[in-house]
């Protein structure tokens, strides 16, 4: 994908539109160019009360433009060594893809040393804010905003968006940071994937990309942690973990409380599967849910988090499994791949042997007939 978003010229209205040396010669095309003063005014000088989130590369503020439109203003951290690269990547990727479950980029600011992205504002903020915040604060009631129908729809819509990135965009895109805080919710709790700062283009003629390991603890596929070899299946793994968070309202990267042992969410969920007690992991605030369907969703999450990348389904297969009431072929289900941070070193553990394991990389997807009945 070429940087076509820099292919057209933008009118310079005043001295505030000076572009720093990093961007000299680059001009913005199909998105709006904002001045720094416009965005400073919209966010009340980036006041703390307007802060709505913080990511690996900067802080996000709520802003109100002069025309009254609410926006999310993402300021890139000046200290970020990868800032310029991720900034340009995010502009290029999100301005060239369109999907109802992807956050819309409205514009950006490249004035002086400031690098700022302006997105549509989604009133219900991020999924972790709505679904998971009560786990950290001990408060009750937040997760009840999402009944089963909403949670099921979020799983399906996020899966469709990732399938779109993997299988419909040319060249395909690997997001690399699928997680609850990057899933934003509109007024109807419809999800949209945001934050493409870590995304990678993935040409079809290669099996993997060797790259530095970035992402969020608890969501990283073991083969990616071990060898830094990235495939689309890394996103599939992250999505599987995300599904477990949606169903349980527990954080993936922190030990699960009340289990009697310090286990991460995926490991705890698999233990419950082995014990035939899967419903024990469901959010206790979720009421009136269809038990068989919820159990099927959990098992789909296990298929997505298989330790060997080639055993995971493609995202289009995941969409199919979530959309149809099919009986899963559990004979093909093996223990998930667990990855954890051990004093700065990452390791992968297979619960059946409890010894470090490596995974085989393959570009051949598991057949849907291996997951659903023939």
Protein backbone atom coordinates (compact mmCIF):
# COMPACT_ATOMS: atom_id res chain seq x y z
CA UNK A 1 0.00 0.00 0.00
CA UNK A 2 1.53 3.26 -1.03
CA UNK A 3 1.23 6.46 0.97
CA UNK A 4 -1.56 7.74 -1.24
CA UNK A 5 -2.86 9.89 1.60
CA UNK A 6 0.06 12.20 0.87
CA UNK A 7 -0.72 12.39 -2.81
CA UNK A 8 -2.61 15.69 -3.00
CA UNK A 9 -1.83 19.18 -1.87
CA UNK A 10 -3.27 21.01 1.12
CA UNK A 11 -3.81 24.73 1.25
CA UNK A 12 -1.65 26.53 3.80
CA UNK A 13 -3.85 29.07 5.53
CA UNK A 14 -1.33 30.81 7.80
CA UNK A 15 2.04 30.58 9.49
CA UNK A 16 0.67 27.91 11.85
CA UNK A 17 0.70 25.43 8.97
CA UNK A 18 4.49 25.23 8.95
CA UNK A 19 5.51 21.61 8.58
CA UNK A 20 8.59 20.31 10.39
CA UNK A 21 11.65 19.00 8.56
CA UNK A 22 10.53 15.40 9.13
CA UNK A 23 7.51 15.99 6.90
CA UNK A 24 8.98 18.47 4.44
CA UNK A 25 7.84 17.52 0.96
CA UNK A 26 4.89 15.51 2.23
CA UNK A 27 1.39 16.88 1.77
CA UNK A 28 -1.92 15.55 2.98
CA UNK A 29 -4.54 14.21 0.61
CA UNK A 30 -7.84 12.59 1.50
CA UNK A 31 -7.99 13.68 5.15
CA UNK A 32 -8.31 17.12 6.73
CA UNK A 33 -5.20 18.97 7.88
CA UNK A 34 -5.75 20.65 11.26
CA UNK A 35 -3.55 23.36 12.72
CA UNK A 36 -2.17 22.85 16.20
CA UNK A 37 -4.13 25.87 17.43
CA UNK A 38 -7.40 24.35 16.21
CA UNK A 39 -6.81 21.18 18.18
CA UNK A 40 -5.49 23.02 21.22
CA UNK A 41 -8.71 25.05 21.28
CA UNK A 42 -10.87 21.96 20.71
CA UNK A 43 -9.34 20.18 23.73
CA UNK A 44 -9.11 23.26 25.99
CA UNK A 45 -5.33 23.21 25.72
CA UNK A 46 -5.26 19.41 26.09
CA UNK A 47 -6.71 19.68 29.59
CA UNK A 48 -6.54 16.63 31.84
CA UNK A 49 -10.33 16.56 32.24
CA UNK A 50 -10.59 15.84 28.50
CA UNK A 51 -8.17 12.93 28.64
CA UNK A 52 -9.99 9.75 27.58
CA UNK A 53 -7.16 7.29 27.09
CA UNK A 54 -3.48 6.60 26.74
CA UNK A 55 -1.72 4.21 24.38
CA UNK A 56 1.82 3.11 23.74
CA UNK A 57 2.57 6.14 21.60
CA UNK A 58 0.57 8.95 23.13
CA UNK A 59 -2.51 10.32 24.87
CA UNK A 60 -6.06 10.66 23.55
CA UNK A 61 -8.27 13.63 24.40
CA UNK A 62 -11.88 14.43 23.70
CA UNK A 63 -12.24 17.58 21.63
CA UNK A 64 -15.03 19.71 20.20
CA UNK A 65 -14.30 21.36 16.87
CA UNK A 66 -15.46 24.87 16.04
CA UNK A 67 -18.42 23.38 14.14
CA UNK A 68 -19.53 21.49 17.24
CA UNK A 69 -18.42 18.03 16.12
CA UNK A 70 -16.93 15.86 18.87
CA UNK A 71 -13.62 14.19 18.02
CA UNK A 72 -10.94 12.05 19.63
CA UNK A 73 -7.55 13.76 19.42
CA UNK A 74 -4.54 11.44 19.68
CA UNK A 75 -1.29 13.26 20.44
CA UNK A 76 1.88 11.33 19.68
CA UNK A 77 4.46 11.15 22.46
CA UNK A 78 7.50 13.28 21.68
CA UNK A 79 9.71 10.71 23.44
CA UNK A 80 8.58 7.81 21.25
CA UNK A 81 11.52 6.60 19.16
CA UNK A 82 9.11 4.90 16.77
CA UNK A 83 6.77 7.87 16.71
CA UNK A 84 7.28 9.09 13.17
CA UNK A 85 7.04 5.62 11.69
CA UNK A 86 3.89 4.69 13.60
CA UNK A 87 2.32 8.07 12.88
CA UNK A 88 2.79 7.73 9.13
CA UNK A 89 1.73 4.08 9.25
CA UNK A 90 -1.49 4.88 11.06
CA UNK A 91 -2.38 7.70 8.64
CA UNK A 92 -1.63 5.57 5.59
CA UNK A 93 -3.46 2.46 6.77
CA UNK A 94 -6.61 3.88 8.30
CA UNK A 95 -7.15 6.51 5.59
CA UNK A 96 -7.08 3.85 2.89
CA UNK A 97 -9.42 1.27 4.42
CA UNK A 98 -13.15 1.58 5.02
CA UNK A 99 -15.22 -0.76 7.15
CA UNK A 100 -18.14 -0.11 9.52
CA UNK A 101 -16.15 -1.69 12.35
CA UNK A 102 -12.97 0.36 11.89
CA UNK A 103 -12.56 3.78 13.51
CA UNK A 104 -12.73 6.60 10.96
CA UNK A 105 -9.74 8.93 10.69
CA UNK A 106 -10.93 12.51 10.19
CA UNK A 107 -7.64 14.34 9.92
CA UNK A 108 -4.22 15.04 11.41
CA UNK A 109 -1.76 17.74 12.37
CA UNK A 110 1.88 17.68 11.28
CA UNK A 111 2.79 21.16 12.40
CA UNK A 112 6.25 21.79 13.82
CA UNK A 113 7.16 18.93 16.14
CA UNK A 114 3.50 18.09 16.76
CA UNK A 115 2.09 14.89 15.32
CA UNK A 116 -1.60 14.47 16.08
CA UNK A 117 -4.34 12.22 14.72
CA UNK A 118 -8.03 13.20 14.80
CA UNK A 119 -10.59 10.38 14.90
CA UNK A 120 -14.33 10.16 15.15
CA UNK A 121 -15.44 10.27 18.78
CA UNK A 122 -17.25 7.20 20.10
CA UNK A 123 -19.39 8.05 23.08
CA UNK A 124 -19.05 4.75 24.96
CA UNK A 125 -15.24 4.92 24.83
CA UNK A 126 -13.29 1.66 24.87
CA UNK A 127 -14.46 -1.87 25.55
CA UNK A 128 -12.19 -2.26 28.57
CA UNK A 129 -13.64 0.90 30.10
CA UNK A 130 -17.18 -0.45 29.85
CA UNK A 131 -16.54 -4.12 30.43
CA UNK A 132 -13.46 -4.44 32.59
CA UNK A 133 -13.08 -1.29 34.71
CA UNK A 134 -15.14 -2.66 37.59
CA UNK A 135 -12.56 -5.44 38.06
CA UNK A 136 -9.92 -2.84 38.92
CA UNK A 137 -12.12 -0.56 41.05
CA UNK A 138 -14.30 -3.15 42.74
CA UNK A 139 -17.42 -1.27 41.64
CA UNK A 140 -20.43 -3.12 40.33
CA UNK A 141 -22.80 -2.62 37.48
CA UNK A 142 -20.57 -1.42 34.63
CA UNK A 143 -20.40 -4.74 32.85
CA UNK A 144 -24.18 -5.11 32.98
CA UNK A 145 -24.34 -2.42 30.30
CA UNK A 146 -23.39 -5.24 27.95
CA UNK A 147 -25.95 -8.05 27.90
CA UNK A 148 -25.30 -11.27 26.01
CA UNK A 149 -26.69 -10.01 22.70
CA UNK A 150 -24.34 -7.01 22.78
CA UNK A 151 -21.32 -9.12 23.73
CA UNK A 152 -22.09 -11.66 21.02
CA UNK A 153 -22.47 -8.88 18.45
CA UNK A 154 -19.17 -7.30 19.52
CA UNK A 155 -17.36 -10.63 19.02
CA UNK A 156 -18.86 -11.06 15.55
CA UNK A 157 -18.28 -7.48 14.40
CA UNK A 158 -14.66 -7.39 15.59
CA UNK A 159 -14.06 -10.74 13.86
CA UNK A 160 -15.52 -9.36 10.62
CA UNK A 161 -13.28 -6.29 10.80
CA UNK A 162 -10.13 -8.38 11.30
CA UNK A 163 -11.20 -10.74 8.50
CA UNK A 164 -11.59 -7.66 6.29
CA UNK A 165 -8.05 -6.50 7.12
CA UNK A 166 -6.58 -9.97 6.57
CA UNK A 167 -8.50 -11.13 3.51
CA UNK A 168 -10.06 -8.19 1.64
CA UNK A 169 -7.51 -5.39 1.90
CA UNK A 170 -4.64 -5.54 -0.65
CA UNK A 171 -2.02 -6.05 0.61
CA UNK A 172 -3.45 -7.58 3.80
CA UNK A 173 -2.96 -5.83 7.13
CA UNK A 174 -1.93 -7.44 10.43
CA UNK A 175 -3.07 -5.18 13.26
CA UNK A 176 -0.66 -6.55 15.92
CA UNK A 177 -2.49 -4.93 18.85
CA UNK A 178 -6.00 -6.37 19.03
CA UNK A 179 -7.09 -5.79 22.63
CA UNK A 180 -10.03 -4.47 24.64
CA UNK A 181 -8.65 -0.93 24.96
CA UNK A 182 -8.37 -0.68 21.15
CA UNK A 183 -12.02 -1.67 20.63
CA UNK A 184 -14.15 1.49 20.78
CA UNK A 185 -17.93 1.51 21.21
CA UNK A 186 -20.46 3.89 19.66
CA UNK A 187 -23.78 4.95 21.21
CA UNK A 188 -25.33 1.60 20.31
CA UNK A 189 -22.28 -0.34 21.58
CA UNK A 190 -21.27 -1.18 18.04
CA UNK A 191 -17.51 -1.90 18.11
CA UNK A 192 -14.84 -0.26 15.99
CA UNK A 193 -11.17 -1.24 15.96
CA UNK A 194 -8.77 1.64 16.48
CA UNK A 195 -5.05 2.35 16.95
CA UNK A 196 -3.23 1.16 13.83
CA UNK A 197 0.14 2.47 14.97
CA UNK A 198 1.65 -1.03 15.14
CA UNK A 199 -0.04 -2.44 12.03
CA UNK A 200 1.98 -4.22 9.35
CA UNK A 201 1.23 -4.70 5.66
CA UNK A 202 1.46 -8.39 4.86
CA UNK A 203 2.05 -9.30 1.17
CA UNK A 204 0.48 -12.60 0.13
CA UNK A 205 3.71 -14.02 -1.31
CA UNK A 206 5.45 -14.43 2.06
CA UNK A 207 4.75 -16.77 4.99
CA UNK A 208 5.81 -14.46 7.80
CA UNK A 209 7.48 -11.19 8.71
CA UNK A 210 10.45 -11.12 11.08
CA UNK A 211 9.95 -8.06 13.24
CA UNK A 212 10.58 -6.65 16.69
CA UNK A 213 8.10 -7.89 19.27
CA UNK A 214 5.51 -5.26 20.12
CA UNK A 215 2.03 -5.48 21.54
CA UNK A 216 0.41 -6.08 24.91
CA UNK A 217 1.19 -8.76 27.48
CA UNK A 218 -1.54 -11.38 27.63
CA UNK A 219 -2.53 -10.97 23.98
CA UNK A 220 0.71 -12.02 22.27
CA UNK A 221 0.86 -15.32 20.37
CA UNK A 222 3.62 -17.60 21.71
CA UNK A 223 5.37 -18.04 18.36
CA UNK A 224 5.54 -14.26 17.98
CA UNK A 225 6.97 -13.86 21.49
CA UNK A 226 9.54 -16.61 20.97
CA UNK A 227 10.81 -15.79 17.51
CA UNK A 228 9.44 -12.43 16.43
CA UNK A 229 7.93 -14.07 13.34
CA UNK A 230 4.63 -12.39 12.57
CA UNK A 231 1.70 -13.91 10.66
CA UNK A 232 -2.01 -13.16 10.48
CA UNK A 233 -2.45 -15.90 13.05
CA UNK A 234 -1.01 -13.57 15.70
CA UNK A 235 -4.14 -11.43 15.34
CA UNK A 236 -6.28 -14.59 15.54
CA UNK A 237 -4.62 -15.48 18.85
CA UNK A 238 -5.19 -11.98 20.23
CA UNK A 239 -8.83 -12.14 19.16
CA UNK A 240 -9.27 -15.42 21.02
CA UNK A 241 -7.95 -13.83 24.20
CA UNK A 242 -10.22 -10.82 23.63
CA UNK A 243 -13.23 -13.13 23.39
CA UNK A 244 -12.40 -14.64 26.78
CA UNK A 245 -12.21 -11.12 28.26
CA UNK A 246 -15.59 -10.23 26.78
CA UNK A 247 -17.16 -13.36 28.25
CA UNK A 248 -15.51 -13.20 31.67
CA UNK A 249 -14.98 -9.45 32.27
CA UNK A 250 -11.47 -10.25 33.50
CA UNK A 251 -8.12 -8.90 32.35
CA UNK A 252 -6.00 -11.25 30.27
CA UNK A 253 -2.65 -9.94 31.48
CA UNK A 254 -3.23 -10.15 35.23
CA UNK A 255 -3.59 -13.21 37.47
CA UNK A 256 -7.21 -14.22 37.86
CA UNK A 257 -8.47 -13.78 41.40
CA UNK A 258 -10.56 -16.37 43.15
CA UNK A 259 -9.06 -19.36 41.34
CA UNK A 260 -6.97 -20.57 44.27
CA UNK A 261 -3.85 -20.13 42.14
CA UNK A 262 -2.19 -17.28 40.28
CA UNK A 263 -3.23 -18.10 36.72
CA UNK A 264 -3.68 -15.85 33.73
CA UNK A 265 -7.11 -15.80 32.11
CA UNK A 266 -6.36 -18.20 29.24
CA UNK A 267 -4.70 -20.75 31.50
CA UNK A 268 -7.54 -20.55 34.03
CA UNK A 269 -10.16 -20.92 31.28
CA UNK A 270 -8.44 -24.05 29.95
CA UNK A 271 -8.31 -25.53 33.43
CA UNK A 272 -12.06 -25.01 33.74
CA UNK A 273 -12.52 -26.66 30.34
CA UNK A 274 -10.59 -29.71 31.50
CA UNK A 275 -12.72 -29.81 34.65
CA UNK A 276 -15.98 -29.45 32.73
CA UNK A 277 -16.74 -26.17 34.54
CA UNK A 278 -16.56 -23.61 31.75
CA UNK A 279 -19.54 -21.61 32.98
CA UNK A 280 -17.50 -20.74 36.09
CA UNK A 281 -15.50 -18.24 34.03
CA UNK A 282 -18.53 -16.29 32.77
CA UNK A 283 -18.96 -12.76 34.12
CA UNK A 284 -21.15 -13.15 37.24
CA UNK A 285 -22.95 -9.94 36.32
CA UNK A 286 -24.10 -11.42 33.01
CA UNK A 287 -27.61 -12.76 33.50
CA UNK A 288 -30.04 -14.72 31.36
CA UNK A 289 -27.45 -15.86 28.81
CA UNK A 290 -27.80 -18.99 26.61
CA UNK A 291 -25.40 -21.41 28.26
CA UNK A 292 -24.72 -23.64 25.25
CA UNK A 293 -23.95 -20.66 23.02
CA UNK A 294 -21.62 -19.10 25.59
CA UNK A 295 -19.75 -22.40 25.99
CA UNK A 296 -19.42 -22.64 22.19
CA UNK A 297 -17.92 -19.12 22.10
CA UNK A 298 -15.37 -20.09 24.75
CA UNK A 299 -14.37 -23.16 22.73
CA UNK A 300 -14.00 -21.01 19.60
CA UNK A 301 -11.63 -18.82 21.64
CA UNK A 302 -9.59 -21.95 22.43
CA UNK A 303 -9.32 -22.77 18.72
CA UNK A 304 -8.09 -19.21 18.12
CA UNK A 305 -5.41 -19.57 20.81
CA UNK A 306 -3.95 -22.92 19.81
CA UNK A 307 -0.22 -23.12 20.54
CA UNK A 308 0.72 -23.86 16.94
CA UNK A 309 -0.17 -21.06 14.54
CA UNK A 310 -1.21 -23.37 11.70
CA UNK A 311 -3.85 -25.00 13.92
CA UNK A 312 -5.70 -21.73 14.38
CA UNK A 313 -8.56 -20.90 12.01
CA UNK A 314 -8.48 -17.94 9.65
CA UNK A 315 -10.59 -14.98 10.69
CA UNK A 316 -13.16 -15.70 7.99
CA UNK A 317 -13.53 -19.18 9.48
CA UNK A 318 -13.95 -17.60 12.91
CA UNK A 319 -16.71 -15.36 11.52
CA UNK A 320 -18.41 -18.44 10.11
CA UNK A 321 -18.17 -20.33 13.41
CA UNK A 322 -19.57 -17.39 15.37
CA UNK A 323 -22.38 -16.77 12.91
CA UNK A 324 -23.65 -20.33 12.57
CA UNK A 325 -24.80 -22.64 15.34
CA UNK A 326 -22.38 -25.38 14.42
CA UNK A 327 -21.10 -28.15 16.66
CA UNK A 328 -17.35 -27.84 17.07
CA UNK A 329 -15.08 -30.80 16.46
CA UNK A 330 -13.35 -30.85 19.83
CA UNK A 331 -11.19 -33.82 18.82
CA UNK A 332 -8.99 -31.27 17.06
CA UNK A 333 -8.71 -29.05 20.13
CA UNK A 334 -5.34 -29.06 21.92
CA UNK A 335 -4.23 -27.00 24.94
CA UNK A 336 -3.78 -23.33 24.05
CA UNK A 337 -0.36 -21.74 23.75
CA UNK A 338 0.51 -19.72 26.83
CA UNK A 339 3.04 -16.93 26.69
CA UNK A 340 4.19 -15.00 29.72
CA UNK A 341 6.84 -12.51 30.76
CA UNK A 342 9.40 -14.06 33.12
CA UNK A 343 11.73 -11.36 34.35
CA UNK A 344 12.08 -9.72 30.97
CA UNK A 345 12.26 -13.00 29.05
CA UNK A 346 9.24 -14.38 27.29
CA UNK A 347 8.43 -18.05 27.26
CA UNK A 348 5.75 -20.30 25.85
CA UNK A 349 4.27 -23.10 27.92
CA UNK A 350 2.06 -25.99 26.94
CA UNK A 351 0.02 -27.01 29.97
CA UNK A 352 0.08 -30.70 29.08
CA UNK A 353 3.87 -30.89 29.52
CA UNK A 354 4.58 -27.67 31.51
CA UNK A 355 7.85 -27.25 29.62
CA UNK A 356 8.93 -24.51 27.24
CA UNK A 357 7.81 -25.29 23.71
CA UNK A 358 8.41 -23.80 20.31
CA UNK A 359 5.76 -23.58 17.63
CA UNK A 360 5.81 -24.45 13.96
CA UNK A 361 5.16 -21.57 11.59
CA UNK A 362 2.96 -22.33 8.63
CA UNK A 363 0.99 -20.32 6.12
CA UNK A 364 -1.44 -23.21 5.58
CA UNK A 365 -4.68 -22.49 7.51
CA UNK A 366 -6.48 -25.20 9.42
CA UNK A 367 -9.41 -26.54 7.45
CA UNK A 368 -12.85 -25.52 8.63
CA UNK A 369 -13.78 -29.20 8.48
CA UNK A 370 -11.25 -29.78 11.23
CA UNK A 371 -13.23 -27.47 13.46
CA UNK A 372 -16.83 -27.91 12.45
CA UNK A 373 -18.60 -31.18 11.58
CA UNK A 374 -18.53 -32.34 7.99
